[in-house]
Amino acid sequence: MSLTKILWVFIFIPLVVGFIQFKKLTISHRFLYGFIVFGTLTELVNKISREIFVIENNMPLGHLYISVSFLFLALFYLYELKNLINKKILIAIIILYEFFCLYNVIQFKSHFSYPSVPGALSALILVSFAILLFTNIMRESKIQALEDSSLIWINSAVLLYFAGNFFFYTLYNFILSNSHQFLIQIIDFFRILNVIFYVLIAIGLWKAGKQKQT
């Protein structure tokens, strides 16, 4: 089985887990599940547009995905970081980023080009949020068993995945300028990173449902 097919299998795992546990999820975790649902729908639309309608350039969809997926994850951190950072600051960051994405598409007519700058900025902000959440977890020291905490699993997934994405977006032009074989290796690496991300998120959503039940 190819890495692409393996990735499709793992994409649906957190979607199913979140659906099963949805009623037990907190507001923040429901925003996270919204991120999963939107991501899955985006992947399906992308696949259909390429294979059925033969649309090769999916960059407008990429711009939309980065903007909306950031919004869902940022709202997740808005609730989880409320004891560490003033809510107004987080809301301001979210609004400014969304306006930047809109400006980037409209002003520079770049909706058909790769969203490397919005993607890199989104990844940088989310990595910062993840680091802050780990800081808050250590500061509060409320979690006795780290492996039982949904936040540990979810935040680890976000930190790992978007740290990798940050380097991918910032080095995108360099990657394109290298050999085709090098590009394939990079894509395969990020497919593996995607699989790890979805597995960690699925575990986190399952743990979140169990915590709520407890």
C-alpha atoms as a PDB file:
ATOM      1  CA  MET A   1       0.000   0.000   0.000  1.00  0.00           C
ATOM      2  CA  SER A   2       1.357   3.453  -0.961  1.00  0.00           C
ATOM      3  CA  LEU A   3       1.918   6.252   1.547  1.00  0.00           C
ATOM      4  CA  THR A   4      -0.955   8.201  -0.053  1.00  0.00           C
ATOM      5  CA  LYS A   5      -3.436   5.379   0.575  1.00  0.00           C
ATOM      6  CA  ILE A   6      -2.101   4.882   4.114  1.00  0.00           C
ATOM      7  CA  LEU A   7      -2.603   8.607   4.777  1.00  0.00           C
ATOM      8  CA  TRP A   8      -6.234   8.384   3.608  1.00  0.00           C
ATOM      9  CA  VAL A   9      -6.851   5.603   6.133  1.00  0.00           C
ATOM     10  CA  PHE A  10      -5.419   7.646   8.994  1.00  0.00           C
ATOM     11  CA  ILE A  11      -7.271  10.839   8.015  1.00  0.00           C
ATOM     12  CA  PHE A  12     -10.572   9.186   8.897  1.00  0.00           C
ATOM     13  CA  ILE A  13      -9.457   7.835  12.307  1.00  0.00           C
ATOM     14  CA  PRO A  14      -9.733  11.140  14.276  1.00  0.00           C
ATOM     15  CA  LEU A  15     -12.897  11.952  12.291  1.00  0.00           C
ATOM     16  CA  VAL A  16     -14.566   8.753  13.532  1.00  0.00           C
ATOM     17  CA  VAL A  17     -13.177   9.029  17.072  1.00  0.00           C
ATOM     18  CA  GLY A  18     -14.321  12.637  17.370  1.00  0.00           C
ATOM     19  CA  PHE A  19     -17.781  11.731  16.076  1.00  0.00           C
ATOM     20  CA  ILE A  20     -18.103   8.959  18.683  1.00  0.00           C
ATOM     21  CA  GLN A  21     -16.905  11.191  21.526  1.00  0.00           C
ATOM     22  CA  PHE A  22     -18.447  14.470  20.343  1.00  0.00           C
ATOM     23  CA  LYS A  23     -21.097  14.817  23.075  1.00  0.00           C
ATOM     24  CA  LYS A  24     -18.404  14.355  25.733  1.00  0.00           C
ATOM     25  CA  LEU A  25     -16.021  16.936  24.274  1.00  0.00           C
ATOM     26  CA  THR A  26     -15.445  20.377  25.782  1.00  0.00           C
ATOM     27  CA  ILE A  27     -15.943  23.525  23.693  1.00  0.00           C
ATOM     28  CA  SER A  28     -12.239  23.767  22.901  1.00  0.00           C
ATOM     29  CA  HIS A  29     -12.072  20.135  21.792  1.00  0.00           C
ATOM     30  CA  ARG A  30     -15.112  20.659  19.581  1.00  0.00           C
ATOM     31  CA  PHE A  31     -13.232  23.417  17.770  1.00  0.00           C
ATOM     32  CA  LEU A  32     -10.401  20.932  17.318  1.00  0.00           C
ATOM     33  CA  TYR A  33     -12.866  18.431  15.890  1.00  0.00           C
ATOM     34  CA  GLY A  34     -14.106  21.173  13.558  1.00  0.00           C
ATOM     35  CA  PHE A  35     -10.530  21.433  12.302  1.00  0.00           C
ATOM     36  CA  ILE A  36     -10.531  17.679  11.589  1.00  0.00           C
ATOM     37  CA  VAL A  37     -13.908  17.767   9.810  1.00  0.00           C
ATOM     38  CA  PHE A  38     -12.917  20.735   7.659  1.00  0.00           C
ATOM     39  CA  GLY A  39      -9.553  19.153   6.830  1.00  0.00           C
ATOM     40  CA  THR A  40     -11.197  15.895   5.771  1.00  0.00           C
ATOM     41  CA  LEU A  41     -13.732  17.713   3.578  1.00  0.00           C
ATOM     42  CA  THR A  42     -10.920  19.742   2.001  1.00  0.00           C
ATOM     43  CA  GLU A  43      -8.968  16.579   1.179  1.00  0.00           C
ATOM     44  CA  LEU A  44     -12.078  15.021  -0.383  1.00  0.00           C
ATOM     45  CA  VAL A  45     -12.828  18.126  -2.472  1.00  0.00           C
ATOM     46  CA  ASN A  46      -9.197  18.267  -3.586  1.00  0.00           C
ATOM     47  CA  LYS A  47      -9.231  14.602  -4.608  1.00  0.00           C
ATOM     48  CA  ILE A  48     -12.532  14.927  -6.484  1.00  0.00           C
ATOM     49  CA  SER A  49     -11.430  18.106  -8.296  1.00  0.00           C
ATOM     50  CA  ARG A  50      -8.208  16.433  -9.444  1.00  0.00           C
ATOM     51  CA  GLU A  51      -9.491  12.989 -10.405  1.00  0.00           C
ATOM     52  CA  ILE A  52     -12.998  13.758 -11.691  1.00  0.00           C
ATOM     53  CA  PHE A  53     -12.883  17.371 -12.890  1.00  0.00           C
ATOM     54  CA  VAL A  54      -9.140  17.253 -13.735  1.00  0.00           C
ATOM     55  CA  ILE A  55      -8.420  20.554 -11.976  1.00  0.00           C
ATOM     56  CA  GLU A  56      -4.660  20.651 -11.492  1.00  0.00           C
ATOM     57  CA  ASN A  57      -4.268  23.990  -9.704  1.00  0.00           C
ATOM     58  CA  ASN A  58      -5.791  23.677  -6.222  1.00  0.00           C
ATOM     59  CA  MET A  59      -4.082  26.746  -4.778  1.00  0.00           C
ATOM     60  CA  PRO A  60      -7.332  28.689  -4.095  1.00  0.00           C
ATOM     61  CA  LEU A  61      -8.467  25.709  -2.017  1.00  0.00           C
ATOM     62  CA  GLY A  62      -5.081  25.702  -0.282  1.00  0.00           C
ATOM     63  CA  HIS A  63      -5.467  29.368   0.713  1.00  0.00           C
ATOM     64  CA  LEU A  64      -8.959  28.673   2.046  1.00  0.00           C
ATOM     65  CA  TYR A  65      -7.777  25.614   3.987  1.00  0.00           C
ATOM     66  CA  ILE A  66      -4.907  27.452   5.695  1.00  0.00           C
ATOM     67  CA  SER A  67      -7.158  30.340   6.725  1.00  0.00           C
ATOM     68  CA  VAL A  68     -10.087  28.279   8.056  1.00  0.00           C
ATOM     69  CA  SER A  69      -8.009  25.513   9.655  1.00  0.00           C
ATOM     70  CA  PHE A  70      -5.973  28.158  11.503  1.00  0.00           C
ATOM     71  CA  LEU A  71      -9.216  29.674  12.794  1.00  0.00           C
ATOM     72  CA  PHE A  72     -10.406  26.353  14.263  1.00  0.00           C
ATOM     73  CA  LEU A  73      -7.071  25.592  15.949  1.00  0.00           C
ATOM     74  CA  ALA A  74      -6.647  29.158  17.183  1.00  0.00           C
ATOM     75  CA  LEU A  75     -10.101  28.997  18.829  1.00  0.00           C
ATOM     76  CA  PHE A  76      -9.024  25.744  20.491  1.00  0.00           C
ATOM     77  CA  TYR A  77      -6.033  27.585  22.002  1.00  0.00           C
ATOM     78  CA  LEU A  78      -8.173  30.618  22.818  1.00  0.00           C
ATOM     79  CA  TYR A  79     -10.004  28.484  25.389  1.00  0.00           C
ATOM     80  CA  GLU A  80      -7.002  26.483  26.576  1.00  0.00           C
ATOM     81  CA  LEU A  81      -4.721  29.519  27.103  1.00  0.00           C
ATOM     82  CA  LYS A  82      -7.291  31.742  28.804  1.00  0.00           C
ATOM     83  CA  ASN A  83      -5.532  31.361  32.185  1.00  0.00           C
ATOM     84  CA  LEU A  84      -2.168  32.404  30.749  1.00  0.00           C
ATOM     85  CA  ILE A  85      -2.864  35.078  28.131  1.00  0.00           C
ATOM     86  CA  ASN A  86      -5.468  37.814  27.981  1.00  0.00           C
ATOM     87  CA  LYS A  87      -8.305  36.656  25.734  1.00  0.00           C
ATOM     88  CA  LYS A  88      -8.346  39.982  23.877  1.00  0.00           C
ATOM     89  CA  ILE A  89      -4.734  39.501  22.784  1.00  0.00           C
ATOM     90  CA  LEU A  90      -5.495  36.066  21.352  1.00  0.00           C
ATOM     91  CA  ILE A  91      -8.609  37.365  19.578  1.00  0.00           C
ATOM     92  CA  ALA A  92      -6.571  40.235  18.110  1.00  0.00           C
ATOM     93  CA  ILE A  93      -3.943  37.776  16.791  1.00  0.00           C
ATOM     94  CA  ILE A  94      -6.640  35.630  15.181  1.00  0.00           C
ATOM     95  CA  ILE A  95      -8.384  38.593  13.539  1.00  0.00           C
ATOM     96  CA  LEU A  96      -5.129  40.115  12.268  1.00  0.00           C
ATOM     97  CA  TYR A  97      -4.033  36.821  10.771  1.00  0.00           C
ATOM     98  CA  GLU A  98      -7.365  36.272   9.004  1.00  0.00           C
ATOM     99  CA  PHE A  99      -7.227  39.802   7.583  1.00  0.00           C
ATOM    100  CA  PHE A 100      -3.675  39.125   6.415  1.00  0.00           C
ATOM    101  CA  CYS A 101      -4.836  35.991   4.580  1.00  0.00           C
ATOM    102  CA  LEU A 102      -7.642  37.937   2.902  1.00  0.00           C
ATOM    103  CA  TYR A 103      -5.301  40.794   1.989  1.00  0.00           C
ATOM    104  CA  ASN A 104      -2.704  38.370   0.648  1.00  0.00           C
ATOM    105  CA  VAL A 105      -5.232  36.856  -1.767  1.00  0.00           C
ATOM    106  CA  ILE A 106      -7.007  40.051  -2.892  1.00  0.00           C
ATOM    107  CA  GLN A 107      -4.230  42.642  -2.970  1.00  0.00           C
ATOM    108  CA  PHE A 108      -1.493  40.531  -4.522  1.00  0.00           C
ATOM    109  CA  LYS A 109      -3.744  38.375  -6.709  1.00  0.00           C
ATOM    110  CA  SER A 110      -1.899  35.374  -5.331  1.00  0.00           C
ATOM    111  CA  HIS A 111      -4.792  32.936  -4.929  1.00  0.00           C
ATOM    112  CA  PHE A 112      -3.332  30.766  -7.718  1.00  0.00           C
ATOM    113  CA  SER A 113       0.174  30.702  -6.204  1.00  0.00           C
ATOM    114  CA  TYR A 114       1.383  28.493  -3.369  1.00  0.00           C
ATOM    115  CA  PRO A 115       0.397  29.978   0.048  1.00  0.00           C
ATOM    116  CA  SER A 116       3.915  29.738   1.475  1.00  0.00           C
ATOM    117  CA  VAL A 117       3.831  33.018   3.445  1.00  0.00           C
ATOM    118  CA  PRO A 118       0.371  32.529   5.061  1.00  0.00           C
ATOM    119  CA  GLY A 119       1.266  28.889   5.729  1.00  0.00           C
ATOM    120  CA  ALA A 120       4.583  29.740   7.372  1.00  0.00           C
ATOM    121  CA  LEU A 121       2.993  32.477   9.494  1.00  0.00           C
ATOM    122  CA  SER A 122       0.131  30.185  10.534  1.00  0.00           C
ATOM    123  CA  ALA A 123       2.578  27.440  11.512  1.00  0.00           C
ATOM    124  CA  LEU A 124       4.733  29.882  13.488  1.00  0.00           C
ATOM    125  CA  ILE A 125       1.749  31.211  15.470  1.00  0.00           C
ATOM    126  CA  LEU A 126       0.399  27.727  16.214  1.00  0.00           C
ATOM    127  CA  VAL A 127       3.819  26.452  17.321  1.00  0.00           C
ATOM    128  CA  SER A 128       4.023  29.472  19.655  1.00  0.00           C
ATOM    129  CA  PHE A 129       0.562  28.655  21.039  1.00  0.00           C
ATOM    130  CA  ALA A 130       1.616  25.033  21.587  1.00  0.00           C
ATOM    131  CA  ILE A 131       4.755  26.085  23.474  1.00  0.00           C
ATOM    132  CA  LEU A 132       2.695  28.476  25.604  1.00  0.00           C
ATOM    133  CA  LEU A 133       0.202  25.717  26.406  1.00  0.00           C
ATOM    134  CA  PHE A 134       2.987  23.386  27.547  1.00  0.00           C
ATOM    135  CA  THR A 135       4.298  26.268  29.661  1.00  0.00           C
ATOM    136  CA  ASN A 136       0.869  26.715  31.212  1.00  0.00           C
ATOM    137  CA  ILE A 137       0.523  22.977  31.874  1.00  0.00           C
ATOM    138  CA  MET A 138       3.859  22.937  33.718  1.00  0.00           C
ATOM    139  CA  ARG A 139       2.999  26.140  35.580  1.00  0.00           C
ATOM    140  CA  GLU A 140      -0.321  24.827  36.859  1.00  0.00           C
ATOM    141  CA  SER A 141       0.976  21.282  37.538  1.00  0.00           C
ATOM    142  CA  LYS A 142      -2.561  19.866  37.597  1.00  0.00           C
ATOM    143  CA  ILE A 143      -1.896  16.836  35.404  1.00  0.00           C
ATOM    144  CA  GLN A 144      -0.730  13.823  37.406  1.00  0.00           C
ATOM    145  CA  ALA A 145      -0.476  11.256  34.593  1.00  0.00           C
ATOM    146  CA  LEU A 146       0.683  12.943  31.378  1.00  0.00           C
ATOM    147  CA  GLU A 147      -0.304  10.002  29.183  1.00  0.00           C
ATOM    148  CA  ASP A 148      -3.939  10.347  30.343  1.00  0.00           C
ATOM    149  CA  SER A 149      -4.214  14.019  29.391  1.00  0.00           C
ATOM    150  CA  SER A 150      -5.832  14.827  26.059  1.00  0.00           C
ATOM    151  CA  LEU A 151      -4.018  18.166  25.952  1.00  0.00           C
ATOM    152  CA  ILE A 152      -0.604  16.503  26.051  1.00  0.00           C
ATOM    153  CA  TRP A 153      -1.417  14.307  23.046  1.00  0.00           C
ATOM    154  CA  ILE A 154      -3.112  17.077  21.055  1.00  0.00           C
ATOM    155  CA  ASN A 155      -0.545  19.753  21.838  1.00  0.00           C
ATOM    156  CA  SER A 156       2.327  17.391  20.990  1.00  0.00           C
ATOM    157  CA  ALA A 157       0.652  16.700  17.637  1.00  0.00           C
ATOM    158  CA  VAL A 158       0.275  20.408  16.868  1.00  0.00           C
ATOM    159  CA  LEU A 159       3.838  21.242  17.933  1.00  0.00           C
ATOM    160  CA  LEU A 160       5.407  18.435  15.893  1.00  0.00           C
ATOM    161  CA  TYR A 161       3.238  18.873  12.805  1.00  0.00           C
ATOM    162  CA  PHE A 162       3.363  22.646  12.487  1.00  0.00           C
ATOM    163  CA  ALA A 163       7.057  22.861  13.328  1.00  0.00           C
ATOM    164  CA  GLY A 164       7.594  20.616  10.306  1.00  0.00           C
ATOM    165  CA  ASN A 165       5.140  22.683   8.247  1.00  0.00           C
ATOM    166  CA  PHE A 166       6.947  25.906   9.129  1.00  0.00           C
ATOM    167  CA  PHE A 167      10.184  24.619   7.610  1.00  0.00           C
ATOM    168  CA  PHE A 168       8.322  23.238   4.586  1.00  0.00           C
ATOM    169  CA  TYR A 169       6.624  26.559   3.828  1.00  0.00           C
ATOM    170  CA  THR A 170       9.752  28.658   4.399  1.00  0.00           C
ATOM    171  CA  LEU A 171      11.920  26.334   2.277  1.00  0.00           C
ATOM    172  CA  TYR A 172       9.283  25.689  -0.407  1.00  0.00           C
ATOM    173  CA  ASN A 173      11.082  27.571  -3.200  1.00  0.00           C
ATOM    174  CA  PHE A 174      14.374  25.888  -2.309  1.00  0.00           C
ATOM    175  CA  ILE A 175      12.681  22.475  -2.425  1.00  0.00           C
ATOM    176  CA  LEU A 176      11.222  23.222  -5.870  1.00  0.00           C
ATOM    177  CA  SER A 177      14.626  24.278  -7.208  1.00  0.00           C
ATOM    178  CA  ASN A 178      16.154  20.900  -6.313  1.00  0.00           C
ATOM    179  CA  SER A 179      15.749  17.579  -8.091  1.00  0.00           C
ATOM    180  CA  HIS A 180      12.373  15.912  -8.584  1.00  0.00           C
ATOM    181  CA  GLN A 181      13.577  12.967  -6.493  1.00  0.00           C
ATOM    182  CA  PHE A 182      14.337  15.305  -3.587  1.00  0.00           C
ATOM    183  CA  LEU A 183      10.830  16.765  -3.839  1.00  0.00           C
ATOM    184  CA  ILE A 184       9.296  13.267  -3.730  1.00  0.00           C
ATOM    185  CA  GLN A 185      11.342  12.437  -0.614  1.00  0.00           C
ATOM    186  CA  ILE A 186      10.157  15.636   1.112  1.00  0.00           C
ATOM    187  CA  ILE A 187       6.521  14.904   0.220  1.00  0.00           C
ATOM    188  CA  ASP A 188       6.854  11.335   1.557  1.00  0.00           C
ATOM    189  CA  PHE A 189       8.347  12.695   4.783  1.00  0.00           C
ATOM    190  CA  PHE A 190       5.385  15.010   5.286  1.00  0.00           C
ATOM    191  CA  ARG A 191       2.950  12.219   4.548  1.00  0.00           C
ATOM    192  CA  ILE A 192       4.542  10.263   7.409  1.00  0.00           C
ATOM    193  CA  LEU A 193       4.328  13.408   9.558  1.00  0.00           C
ATOM    194  CA  ASN A 194       0.627  13.639   8.655  1.00  0.00           C
ATOM    195  CA  VAL A 195       0.050  10.051   9.750  1.00  0.00           C
ATOM    196  CA  ILE A 196       1.723  10.731  13.130  1.00  0.00           C
ATOM    197  CA  PHE A 197      -0.326  13.926  13.498  1.00  0.00           C
ATOM    198  CA  TYR A 198      -3.670  12.205  12.883  1.00  0.00           C
ATOM    199  CA  VAL A 199      -2.819   9.330  15.227  1.00  0.00           C
ATOM    200  CA  LEU A 200      -1.896  11.714  18.060  1.00  0.00           C
ATOM    201  CA  ILE A 201      -5.033  13.812  17.480  1.00  0.00           C
ATOM    202  CA  ALA A 202      -7.205  10.665  17.491  1.00  0.00           C
ATOM    203  CA  ILE A 203      -5.689   9.582  20.815  1.00  0.00           C
ATOM    204  CA  GLY A 204      -6.200  13.090  22.189  1.00  0.00           C
ATOM    205  CA  LEU A 205      -9.874  13.170  21.191  1.00  0.00           C
ATOM    206  CA  TRP A 206     -10.420   9.728  22.693  1.00  0.00           C
ATOM    207  CA  LYS A 207      -8.740  10.806  25.937  1.00  0.00           C
ATOM    208  CA  ALA A 208     -10.828  13.996  25.952  1.00  0.00           C
ATOM    209  CA  GLY A 209     -14.035  11.952  25.845  1.00  0.00           C
ATOM    210  CA  LYS A 210     -12.807   9.703  28.650  1.00  0.00           C
ATOM    211  CA  GLN A 211     -11.822  12.696  30.799  1.00  0.00           C
ATOM    212  CA  LYS A 212     -15.271  14.269  30.360  1.00  0.00           C
ATOM    213  CA  GLN A 213     -16.891  10.963  31.283  1.00  0.00           C
ATOM    214  CA  THR A 214     -14.763  10.713  34.413  1.00  0.00           C
END
